[in-house]
Amino acid sequence: MVKDIVTGVSVTSLIFLISVFIPIIGFVAALFIPLPILFYRLRLGRINGLVIPIISSLVMVVFIGGISLDILFFAGLLLIGFILGELFELNLSIEKTTLYASGSVVLSGLIGLIISSMLTGEGVFGIVSNYVAKNLELTLVLYQSMGMSQENVQLISQSLDKIQHVLVTIIPALVSTSTLFVTWISILIAKPVLISRSLYYPDFGPLKLWKAPDYLVWVVIGCGLALFLPIPVIKVIGLNGLLMFTFSRASPSFHIILIKSGSLKFYGFSFTRLWPFSS
């Protein structure tokens, strides 16, 4: 058991370090952080499996240098893996498993953001706005280091305020859809890994045939109509809703593309063969 815990923390921390210190592939690497947490939650049980995300969180805090929104992001990835392990054992449908896991993570992140706001005395909007502004500035520096022309850098620099405003406006949709996407990908890639190690994987049926419920079309239409109303708050809600439910409708197509391209089999095989999941 101790060996499994050490291995789980090591693998999770390694993926975290890659995602932080290697910008080119860091974003893709971060998508796989939930997988070792899910694996060891099912392998070790609830209590022992919980030790791995807790220690991994402490490692992340040490390397990032304190509590920040970045920690909330990575903690959310850890939480996705652990909650999926809980939901897998309940043998729920694919819809409930995905929505319950994503909803729990988004709600936990919101609670964490509110607590951070109370501790710092800064409003939630201010925290998010400053975080977006900081990352836009870092992105601009990255563009400069990649050799982007000074003319384009200056053009982007002059538009940072507008870009920041747009991103802050749609941040609920960005957070929700990205959480849903990571959850969905984790469920798909976990299948070959868990089955190869004789761990339980729910029978979700042929996922390549799954599609979003037809009634979501009416939700998308309603959100689209909300954009024409003269009330700013309703417009923002409509815009975020439109982005979220459009993604829900489009996600099956993306899934089919992954299957046809063989990406899911490749990643599942790679994790099964290369990761130190001891038998």
C-alpha atoms as a PDB file:
ATOM      1  CA  MET A   1       0.000   0.000   0.000  1.00  0.00           C
ATOM      2  CA  VAL A   2       2.800   2.427   0.914  1.00  0.00           C
ATOM      3  CA  LYS A   3       4.486   1.657  -2.402  1.00  0.00           C
ATOM      4  CA  ASP A   4       1.252   2.422  -4.262  1.00  0.00           C
ATOM      5  CA  ILE A   5       0.845   5.730  -2.419  1.00  0.00           C
ATOM      6  CA  VAL A   6       4.433   6.762  -3.170  1.00  0.00           C
ATOM      7  CA  THR A   7       4.008   5.766  -6.820  1.00  0.00           C
ATOM      8  CA  GLY A   8       0.712   7.624  -7.098  1.00  0.00           C
ATOM      9  CA  VAL A   9       2.130  10.825  -5.609  1.00  0.00           C
ATOM     10  CA  SER A  10       5.258  10.557  -7.773  1.00  0.00           C
ATOM     11  CA  VAL A  11       3.336  10.073 -11.020  1.00  0.00           C
ATOM     12  CA  THR A  12       0.866  12.848 -10.219  1.00  0.00           C
ATOM     13  CA  SER A  13       3.659  15.237  -9.208  1.00  0.00           C
ATOM     14  CA  LEU A  14       5.625  14.407 -12.358  1.00  0.00           C
ATOM     15  CA  ILE A  15       2.663  15.233 -14.592  1.00  0.00           C
ATOM     16  CA  PHE A  16       2.139  18.431 -12.604  1.00  0.00           C
ATOM     17  CA  LEU A  17       5.776  19.500 -13.049  1.00  0.00           C
ATOM     18  CA  ILE A  18       5.603  18.807 -16.780  1.00  0.00           C
ATOM     19  CA  SER A  19       2.429  20.870 -17.102  1.00  0.00           C
ATOM     20  CA  VAL A  20       3.989  23.797 -15.222  1.00  0.00           C
ATOM     21  CA  PHE A  21       7.553  23.892 -16.535  1.00  0.00           C
ATOM     22  CA  ILE A  22       7.148  22.707 -20.138  1.00  0.00           C
ATOM     23  CA  PRO A  23       4.808  25.236 -21.811  1.00  0.00           C
ATOM     24  CA  ILE A  24       4.561  23.496 -25.184  1.00  0.00           C
ATOM     25  CA  ILE A  25       3.089  20.235 -23.891  1.00  0.00           C
ATOM     26  CA  GLY A  26       2.144  21.421 -20.419  1.00  0.00           C
ATOM     27  CA  PHE A  27      -1.512  21.995 -21.213  1.00  0.00           C
ATOM     28  CA  VAL A  28      -1.934  18.515 -22.684  1.00  0.00           C
ATOM     29  CA  ALA A  29      -0.076  16.939 -19.759  1.00  0.00           C
ATOM     30  CA  ALA A  30      -2.402  18.626 -17.264  1.00  0.00           C
ATOM     31  CA  LEU A  31      -5.345  16.770 -18.797  1.00  0.00           C
ATOM     32  CA  PHE A  32      -3.955  13.497 -17.455  1.00  0.00           C
ATOM     33  CA  ILE A  33      -3.594  14.547 -13.806  1.00  0.00           C
ATOM     34  CA  PRO A  34      -6.981  13.014 -12.858  1.00  0.00           C
ATOM     35  CA  LEU A  35      -5.998   9.572 -14.182  1.00  0.00           C
ATOM     36  CA  PRO A  36      -3.559   8.405 -11.449  1.00  0.00           C
ATOM     37  CA  ILE A  37      -5.932   9.754  -8.783  1.00  0.00           C
ATOM     38  CA  LEU A  38      -8.803   7.762 -10.297  1.00  0.00           C
ATOM     39  CA  PHE A  39      -6.641   4.663 -10.663  1.00  0.00           C
ATOM     40  CA  TYR A  40      -5.432   4.609  -7.059  1.00  0.00           C
ATOM     41  CA  ARG A  41      -8.838   5.574  -5.672  1.00  0.00           C
ATOM     42  CA  LEU A  42     -10.228   2.371  -7.182  1.00  0.00           C
ATOM     43  CA  ARG A  43      -7.131   0.348  -6.304  1.00  0.00           C
ATOM     44  CA  LEU A  44      -6.644   1.466  -2.692  1.00  0.00           C
ATOM     45  CA  GLY A  45     -10.148   2.434  -1.625  1.00  0.00           C
ATOM     46  CA  ARG A  46     -11.546   5.737  -0.388  1.00  0.00           C
ATOM     47  CA  ILE A  47      -9.374   6.469   2.662  1.00  0.00           C
ATOM     48  CA  ASN A  48      -6.011   5.307   1.350  1.00  0.00           C
ATOM     49  CA  GLY A  49      -6.793   6.685  -2.105  1.00  0.00           C
ATOM     50  CA  LEU A  50      -7.483  10.106  -0.574  1.00  0.00           C
ATOM     51  CA  VAL A  51      -3.927  10.315   0.739  1.00  0.00           C
ATOM     52  CA  ILE A  52      -2.517  10.682  -2.788  1.00  0.00           C
ATOM     53  CA  PRO A  53      -4.401  13.863  -3.844  1.00  0.00           C
ATOM     54  CA  ILE A  54      -3.778  15.425  -0.419  1.00  0.00           C
ATOM     55  CA  ILE A  55       0.002  14.911  -0.588  1.00  0.00           C
ATOM     56  CA  SER A  56       0.025  15.884  -4.273  1.00  0.00           C
ATOM     57  CA  SER A  57      -1.768  19.127  -3.390  1.00  0.00           C
ATOM     58  CA  LEU A  58       0.921  19.954  -0.843  1.00  0.00           C
ATOM     59  CA  VAL A  59       3.606  19.298  -3.462  1.00  0.00           C
ATOM     60  CA  MET A  60       1.833  21.657  -5.842  1.00  0.00           C
ATOM     61  CA  VAL A  61       1.587  24.389  -3.208  1.00  0.00           C
ATOM     62  CA  VAL A  62       5.330  24.106  -2.533  1.00  0.00           C
ATOM     63  CA  PHE A  63       6.298  24.395  -6.200  1.00  0.00           C
ATOM     64  CA  ILE A  64       3.835  27.173  -7.051  1.00  0.00           C
ATOM     65  CA  GLY A  65       4.793  29.071  -3.908  1.00  0.00           C
ATOM     66  CA  GLY A  66       1.492  29.425  -2.073  1.00  0.00           C
ATOM     67  CA  ILE A  67      -2.268  29.370  -2.481  1.00  0.00           C
ATOM     68  CA  SER A  68      -3.460  30.915  -5.742  1.00  0.00           C
ATOM     69  CA  LEU A  69      -5.958  30.389  -8.539  1.00  0.00           C
ATOM     70  CA  ASP A  70      -3.393  28.104 -10.164  1.00  0.00           C
ATOM     71  CA  ILE A  71      -3.662  25.838  -7.126  1.00  0.00           C
ATOM     72  CA  LEU A  72      -7.460  25.859  -7.465  1.00  0.00           C
ATOM     73  CA  PHE A  73      -7.049  24.764 -11.075  1.00  0.00           C
ATOM     74  CA  PHE A  74      -4.764  21.837 -10.258  1.00  0.00           C
ATOM     75  CA  ALA A  75      -6.780  20.919  -7.162  1.00  0.00           C
ATOM     76  CA  GLY A  76      -9.816  20.726  -9.434  1.00  0.00           C
ATOM     77  CA  LEU A  77      -8.005  18.234 -11.649  1.00  0.00           C
ATOM     78  CA  LEU A  78      -7.169  16.103  -8.612  1.00  0.00           C
ATOM     79  CA  LEU A  79     -10.761  16.302  -7.462  1.00  0.00           C
ATOM     80  CA  ILE A  80     -12.052  15.151 -10.855  1.00  0.00           C
ATOM     81  CA  GLY A  81     -10.059  11.936 -10.543  1.00  0.00           C
ATOM     82  CA  PHE A  82     -11.177  11.212  -6.988  1.00  0.00           C
ATOM     83  CA  ILE A  83     -14.861  11.966  -7.598  1.00  0.00           C
ATOM     84  CA  LEU A  84     -14.877   9.830 -10.729  1.00  0.00           C
ATOM     85  CA  GLY A  85     -13.591   6.961  -8.600  1.00  0.00           C
ATOM     86  CA  GLU A  86     -16.498   7.479  -6.214  1.00  0.00           C
ATOM     87  CA  LEU A  87     -19.035   7.701  -9.031  1.00  0.00           C
ATOM     88  CA  PHE A  88     -17.671   4.679 -10.886  1.00  0.00           C
ATOM     89  CA  GLU A  89     -18.474   2.513  -7.872  1.00  0.00           C
ATOM     90  CA  LEU A  90     -22.060   3.803  -7.896  1.00  0.00           C
ATOM     91  CA  ASN A  91     -22.440   2.480 -11.459  1.00  0.00           C
ATOM     92  CA  LEU A  92     -24.310   5.547 -12.692  1.00  0.00           C
ATOM     93  CA  SER A  93     -25.082   6.438 -16.289  1.00  0.00           C
ATOM     94  CA  ILE A  94     -22.492   8.299 -18.352  1.00  0.00           C
ATOM     95  CA  GLU A  95     -24.589  11.476 -18.192  1.00  0.00           C
ATOM     96  CA  LYS A  96     -24.884  11.443 -14.403  1.00  0.00           C
ATOM     97  CA  THR A  97     -21.240  10.469 -13.919  1.00  0.00           C
ATOM     98  CA  THR A  98     -20.015  13.333 -16.108  1.00  0.00           C
ATOM     99  CA  LEU A  99     -22.382  15.970 -14.769  1.00  0.00           C
ATOM    100  CA  TYR A 100     -21.987  15.034 -11.089  1.00  0.00           C
ATOM    101  CA  ALA A 101     -18.191  15.045 -11.340  1.00  0.00           C
ATOM    102  CA  SER A 102     -18.024  18.305 -13.304  1.00  0.00           C
ATOM    103  CA  GLY A 103     -20.636  20.017 -11.155  1.00  0.00           C
ATOM    104  CA  SER A 104     -18.899  19.010  -7.927  1.00  0.00           C
ATOM    105  CA  VAL A 105     -15.578  20.389  -9.142  1.00  0.00           C
ATOM    106  CA  VAL A 106     -17.047  23.680 -10.373  1.00  0.00           C
ATOM    107  CA  LEU A 107     -18.989  24.135  -7.118  1.00  0.00           C
ATOM    108  CA  SER A 108     -15.886  23.347  -5.036  1.00  0.00           C
ATOM    109  CA  GLY A 109     -13.863  25.834  -7.070  1.00  0.00           C
ATOM    110  CA  LEU A 110     -16.493  28.517  -6.542  1.00  0.00           C
ATOM    111  CA  ILE A 111     -16.490  27.891  -2.800  1.00  0.00           C
ATOM    112  CA  GLY A 112     -12.694  28.054  -2.766  1.00  0.00           C
ATOM    113  CA  LEU A 113     -12.791  31.327  -4.698  1.00  0.00           C
ATOM    114  CA  ILE A 114     -15.281  32.835  -2.237  1.00  0.00           C
ATOM    115  CA  ILE A 115     -13.150  31.751   0.727  1.00  0.00           C
ATOM    116  CA  SER A 116     -10.068  33.261  -0.939  1.00  0.00           C
ATOM    117  CA  SER A 117     -12.015  36.469  -1.485  1.00  0.00           C
ATOM    118  CA  MET A 118     -12.985  36.632   2.190  1.00  0.00           C
ATOM    119  CA  LEU A 119      -9.404  36.009   3.332  1.00  0.00           C
ATOM    120  CA  THR A 120      -7.818  38.578   1.028  1.00  0.00           C
ATOM    121  CA  GLY A 121     -10.570  41.183   1.256  1.00  0.00           C
ATOM    122  CA  GLU A 122     -10.705  41.364  -2.537  1.00  0.00           C
ATOM    123  CA  GLY A 123     -13.907  40.724  -4.454  1.00  0.00           C
ATOM    124  CA  VAL A 124     -14.367  37.579  -6.509  1.00  0.00           C
ATOM    125  CA  PHE A 125     -14.589  39.638  -9.689  1.00  0.00           C
ATOM    126  CA  GLY A 126     -11.374  41.461  -8.783  1.00  0.00           C
ATOM    127  CA  ILE A 127      -9.494  38.198  -8.140  1.00  0.00           C
ATOM    128  CA  VAL A 128     -10.584  36.701 -11.448  1.00  0.00           C
ATOM    129  CA  SER A 129      -9.964  39.917 -13.383  1.00  0.00           C
ATOM    130  CA  ASN A 130      -6.450  40.325 -11.984  1.00  0.00           C
ATOM    131  CA  TYR A 131      -5.656  36.679 -12.657  1.00  0.00           C
ATOM    132  CA  VAL A 132      -6.763  36.975 -16.283  1.00  0.00           C
ATOM    133  CA  ALA A 133      -4.772  40.184 -16.722  1.00  0.00           C
ATOM    134  CA  LYS A 134      -1.636  38.566 -15.279  1.00  0.00           C
ATOM    135  CA  ASN A 135      -1.906  35.566 -17.590  1.00  0.00           C
ATOM    136  CA  LEU A 136      -2.490  37.770 -20.626  1.00  0.00           C
ATOM    137  CA  GLU A 137       0.710  39.645 -19.824  1.00  0.00           C
ATOM    138  CA  LEU A 138       2.602  36.361 -19.453  1.00  0.00           C
ATOM    139  CA  THR A 139       1.174  35.193 -22.784  1.00  0.00           C
ATOM    140  CA  LEU A 140       2.365  38.404 -24.421  1.00  0.00           C
ATOM    141  CA  VAL A 141       5.876  37.831 -23.052  1.00  0.00           C
ATOM    142  CA  LEU A 142       5.756  34.263 -24.398  1.00  0.00           C
ATOM    143  CA  TYR A 143       4.808  35.561 -27.843  1.00  0.00           C
ATOM    144  CA  GLN A 144       7.755  37.937 -27.755  1.00  0.00           C
ATOM    145  CA  SER A 145      10.144  35.142 -26.787  1.00  0.00           C
ATOM    146  CA  MET A 146       8.809  33.048 -29.687  1.00  0.00           C
ATOM    147  CA  GLY A 147       9.855  35.738 -32.145  1.00  0.00           C
ATOM    148  CA  MET A 148       6.513  37.367 -32.933  1.00  0.00           C
ATOM    149  CA  SER A 149       6.953  40.630 -34.825  1.00  0.00           C
ATOM    150  CA  GLN A 150       6.967  43.795 -32.752  1.00  0.00           C
ATOM    151  CA  GLU A 151       4.054  45.141 -34.761  1.00  0.00           C
ATOM    152  CA  ASN A 152       1.810  42.215 -33.821  1.00  0.00           C
ATOM    153  CA  VAL A 153       2.975  42.310 -30.199  1.00  0.00           C
ATOM    154  CA  GLN A 154       2.090  45.983 -30.000  1.00  0.00           C
ATOM    155  CA  LEU A 155      -1.303  45.340 -31.590  1.00  0.00           C
ATOM    156  CA  ILE A 156      -2.098  42.644 -29.024  1.00  0.00           C
ATOM    157  CA  SER A 157      -0.784  44.849 -26.214  1.00  0.00           C
ATOM    158  CA  GLN A 158      -3.162  47.625 -27.181  1.00  0.00           C
ATOM    159  CA  SER A 159      -6.074  45.184 -27.138  1.00  0.00           C
ATOM    160  CA  LEU A 160      -5.306  43.530 -23.788  1.00  0.00           C
ATOM    161  CA  ASP A 161      -8.012  45.453 -21.921  1.00  0.00           C
ATOM    162  CA  LYS A 162     -10.679  44.389 -24.414  1.00  0.00           C
ATOM    163  CA  ILE A 163      -9.449  40.792 -24.427  1.00  0.00           C
ATOM    164  CA  GLN A 164      -9.452  40.774 -20.626  1.00  0.00           C
ATOM    165  CA  HIS A 165     -13.026  42.084 -20.528  1.00  0.00           C
ATOM    166  CA  VAL A 166     -14.232  39.398 -22.940  1.00  0.00           C
ATOM    167  CA  LEU A 167     -12.472  36.571 -21.079  1.00  0.00           C
ATOM    168  CA  VAL A 168     -13.786  37.686 -17.683  1.00  0.00           C
ATOM    169  CA  THR A 169     -17.296  37.882 -19.154  1.00  0.00           C
ATOM    170  CA  ILE A 170     -17.237  34.306 -20.427  1.00  0.00           C
ATOM    171  CA  ILE A 171     -15.160  32.824 -17.590  1.00  0.00           C
ATOM    172  CA  PRO A 172     -18.128  30.780 -16.232  1.00  0.00           C
ATOM    173  CA  ALA A 173     -18.503  29.086 -19.617  1.00  0.00           C
ATOM    174  CA  LEU A 174     -14.752  28.563 -19.983  1.00  0.00           C
ATOM    175  CA  VAL A 175     -14.480  26.955 -16.542  1.00  0.00           C
ATOM    176  CA  SER A 176     -17.571  24.781 -16.973  1.00  0.00           C
ATOM    177  CA  THR A 177     -16.744  23.538 -20.465  1.00  0.00           C
ATOM    178  CA  SER A 178     -13.080  22.888 -19.662  1.00  0.00           C
ATOM    179  CA  THR A 179     -14.088  20.917 -16.548  1.00  0.00           C
ATOM    180  CA  LEU A 180     -16.621  18.951 -18.544  1.00  0.00           C
ATOM    181  CA  PHE A 181     -14.026  18.299 -21.246  1.00  0.00           C
ATOM    182  CA  VAL A 182     -11.368  17.036 -18.811  1.00  0.00           C
ATOM    183  CA  THR A 183     -13.948  14.835 -17.073  1.00  0.00           C
ATOM    184  CA  TRP A 184     -15.078  13.351 -20.368  1.00  0.00           C
ATOM    185  CA  ILE A 185     -11.517  12.712 -21.552  1.00  0.00           C
ATOM    186  CA  SER A 186     -10.615  11.139 -18.198  1.00  0.00           C
ATOM    187  CA  ILE A 187     -13.549   8.727 -18.445  1.00  0.00           C
ATOM    188  CA  LEU A 188     -12.550   7.691 -21.947  1.00  0.00           C
ATOM    189  CA  ILE A 189      -8.823   7.233 -21.357  1.00  0.00           C
ATOM    190  CA  ALA A 190      -9.358   5.487 -18.012  1.00  0.00           C
ATOM    191  CA  LYS A 191     -11.086   2.533 -19.675  1.00  0.00           C
ATOM    192  CA  PRO A 192      -8.032   0.725 -21.149  1.00  0.00           C
ATOM    193  CA  VAL A 193      -5.936   1.513 -18.074  1.00  0.00           C
ATOM    194  CA  LEU A 194      -8.460   0.180 -15.555  1.00  0.00           C
ATOM    195  CA  ILE A 195      -9.471  -2.860 -17.570  1.00  0.00           C
ATOM    196  CA  SER A 196      -5.835  -3.842 -18.182  1.00  0.00           C
ATOM    197  CA  ARG A 197      -5.270  -3.853 -14.396  1.00  0.00           C
ATOM    198  CA  SER A 198      -8.525  -5.714 -13.645  1.00  0.00           C
ATOM    199  CA  LEU A 199     -10.081  -2.710 -11.911  1.00  0.00           C
ATOM    200  CA  TYR A 200     -13.755  -1.865 -12.154  1.00  0.00           C
ATOM    201  CA  TYR A 201     -14.943   0.241 -15.078  1.00  0.00           C
ATOM    202  CA  PRO A 202     -18.690   0.881 -15.457  1.00  0.00           C
ATOM    203  CA  ASP A 203     -20.535  -0.415 -18.483  1.00  0.00           C
ATOM    204  CA  PHE A 204     -21.426   2.874 -20.136  1.00  0.00           C
ATOM    205  CA  GLY A 205     -22.337   1.157 -23.382  1.00  0.00           C
ATOM    206  CA  PRO A 206     -20.986   2.212 -26.792  1.00  0.00           C
ATOM    207  CA  LEU A 207     -19.949   5.790 -26.055  1.00  0.00           C
ATOM    208  CA  LYS A 208     -19.241   6.488 -29.709  1.00  0.00           C
ATOM    209  CA  LEU A 209     -23.015   6.330 -30.248  1.00  0.00           C
ATOM    210  CA  TRP A 210     -23.783   8.711 -27.402  1.00  0.00           C
ATOM    211  CA  LYS A 211     -25.219  12.120 -28.177  1.00  0.00           C
ATOM    212  CA  ALA A 212     -26.515  15.029 -26.134  1.00  0.00           C
ATOM    213  CA  PRO A 213     -30.281  15.048 -25.438  1.00  0.00           C
ATOM    214  CA  ASP A 214     -32.314  16.712 -28.179  1.00  0.00           C
ATOM    215  CA  TYR A 215     -34.016  19.079 -25.751  1.00  0.00           C
ATOM    216  CA  LEU A 216     -30.714  20.935 -25.307  1.00  0.00           C
ATOM    217  CA  VAL A 217     -31.393  22.487 -28.707  1.00  0.00           C
ATOM    218  CA  TRP A 218     -34.181  24.514 -27.122  1.00  0.00           C
ATOM    219  CA  VAL A 219     -31.876  25.601 -24.311  1.00  0.00           C
ATOM    220  CA  VAL A 220     -29.356  26.820 -26.890  1.00  0.00           C
ATOM    221  CA  ILE A 221     -32.111  28.696 -28.732  1.00  0.00           C
ATOM    222  CA  GLY A 222     -33.277  30.269 -25.460  1.00  0.00           C
ATOM    223  CA  CYS A 223     -29.746  31.406 -24.613  1.00  0.00           C
ATOM    224  CA  GLY A 224     -29.386  32.828 -28.110  1.00  0.00           C
ATOM    225  CA  LEU A 225     -32.608  34.825 -27.733  1.00  0.00           C
ATOM    226  CA  ALA A 226     -31.355  36.153 -24.373  1.00  0.00           C
ATOM    227  CA  LEU A 227     -28.548  37.938 -26.225  1.00  0.00           C
ATOM    228  CA  PHE A 228     -31.116  40.236 -27.835  1.00  0.00           C
ATOM    229  CA  LEU A 229     -32.586  41.417 -24.540  1.00  0.00           C
ATOM    230  CA  PRO A 230     -31.562  44.908 -23.327  1.00  0.00           C
ATOM    231  CA  ILE A 231     -30.532  43.678 -19.855  1.00  0.00           C
ATOM    232  CA  PRO A 232     -26.722  43.247 -19.532  1.00  0.00           C
ATOM    233  CA  VAL A 233     -26.915  40.526 -16.851  1.00  0.00           C
ATOM    234  CA  ILE A 234     -29.315  38.454 -18.956  1.00  0.00           C
ATOM    235  CA  LYS A 235     -27.022  38.890 -21.964  1.00  0.00           C
ATOM    236  CA  VAL A 236     -24.025  37.604 -20.002  1.00  0.00           C
ATOM    237  CA  ILE A 237     -26.021  34.609 -18.734  1.00  0.00           C
ATOM    238  CA  GLY A 238     -27.270  33.908 -22.250  1.00  0.00           C
ATOM    239  CA  LEU A 239     -23.781  34.143 -23.729  1.00  0.00           C
ATOM    240  CA  ASN A 240     -22.285  31.766 -21.174  1.00  0.00           C
ATOM    241  CA  GLY A 241     -25.197  29.381 -21.512  1.00  0.00           C
ATOM    242  CA  LEU A 242     -24.877  29.435 -25.288  1.00  0.00           C
ATOM    243  CA  LEU A 243     -21.192  28.548 -25.116  1.00  0.00           C
ATOM    244  CA  MET A 244     -21.706  25.774 -22.558  1.00  0.00           C
ATOM    245  CA  PHE A 245     -24.628  24.044 -24.244  1.00  0.00           C
ATOM    246  CA  THR A 246     -23.104  24.422 -27.700  1.00  0.00           C
ATOM    247  CA  PHE A 247     -20.066  22.571 -26.383  1.00  0.00           C
ATOM    248  CA  SER A 248     -22.346  19.867 -24.970  1.00  0.00           C
ATOM    249  CA  ARG A 249     -23.899  19.394 -28.385  1.00  0.00           C
ATOM    250  CA  ALA A 250     -20.521  19.364 -30.144  1.00  0.00           C
ATOM    251  CA  SER A 251     -18.643  17.069 -27.731  1.00  0.00           C
ATOM    252  CA  PRO A 252     -19.903  13.790 -29.277  1.00  0.00           C
ATOM    253  CA  SER A 253     -18.459  14.876 -32.643  1.00  0.00           C
ATOM    254  CA  PHE A 254     -15.114  15.540 -30.991  1.00  0.00           C
ATOM    255  CA  HIS A 255     -15.276  12.127 -29.352  1.00  0.00           C
ATOM    256  CA  ILE A 256     -15.876  10.450 -32.714  1.00  0.00           C
ATOM    257  CA  ILE A 257     -12.886  12.302 -34.176  1.00  0.00           C
ATOM    258  CA  LEU A 258     -10.682  10.988 -31.359  1.00  0.00           C
ATOM    259  CA  ILE A 259     -11.896   7.439 -31.944  1.00  0.00           C
ATOM    260  CA  LYS A 260     -11.439   7.604 -35.710  1.00  0.00           C
ATOM    261  CA  SER A 261      -7.951   9.071 -35.358  1.00  0.00           C
ATOM    262  CA  GLY A 262      -6.980   6.385 -32.850  1.00  0.00           C
ATOM    263  CA  SER A 263      -5.942   8.975 -30.251  1.00  0.00           C
ATOM    264  CA  LEU A 264      -7.854   7.361 -27.403  1.00  0.00           C
ATOM    265  CA  LYS A 265      -6.355   3.952 -28.064  1.00  0.00           C
ATOM    266  CA  PHE A 266      -2.892   5.487 -28.342  1.00  0.00           C
ATOM    267  CA  TYR A 267      -3.110   7.391 -25.053  1.00  0.00           C
ATOM    268  CA  GLY A 268      -4.749   4.488 -23.261  1.00  0.00           C
ATOM    269  CA  PHE A 269      -2.078   2.086 -24.503  1.00  0.00           C
ATOM    270  CA  SER A 270       0.712   4.529 -23.593  1.00  0.00           C
ATOM    271  CA  PHE A 271      -0.534   4.967 -20.037  1.00  0.00           C
ATOM    272  CA  THR A 272      -1.054   1.238 -19.635  1.00  0.00           C
ATOM    273  CA  ARG A 273       2.466   0.369 -20.803  1.00  0.00           C
ATOM    274  CA  LEU A 274       4.557   3.295 -19.608  1.00  0.00           C
ATOM    275  CA  TRP A 275       3.087   4.270 -16.266  1.00  0.00           C
ATOM    276  CA  PRO A 276       4.415   2.531 -13.132  1.00  0.00           C
ATOM    277  CA  PHE A 277       1.065   1.023 -12.165  1.00  0.00           C
ATOM    278  CA  SER A 278       2.311  -2.079 -10.390  1.00  0.00           C
ATOM    279  CA  SER A 279       0.199  -5.190 -10.707  1.00  0.00           C
END
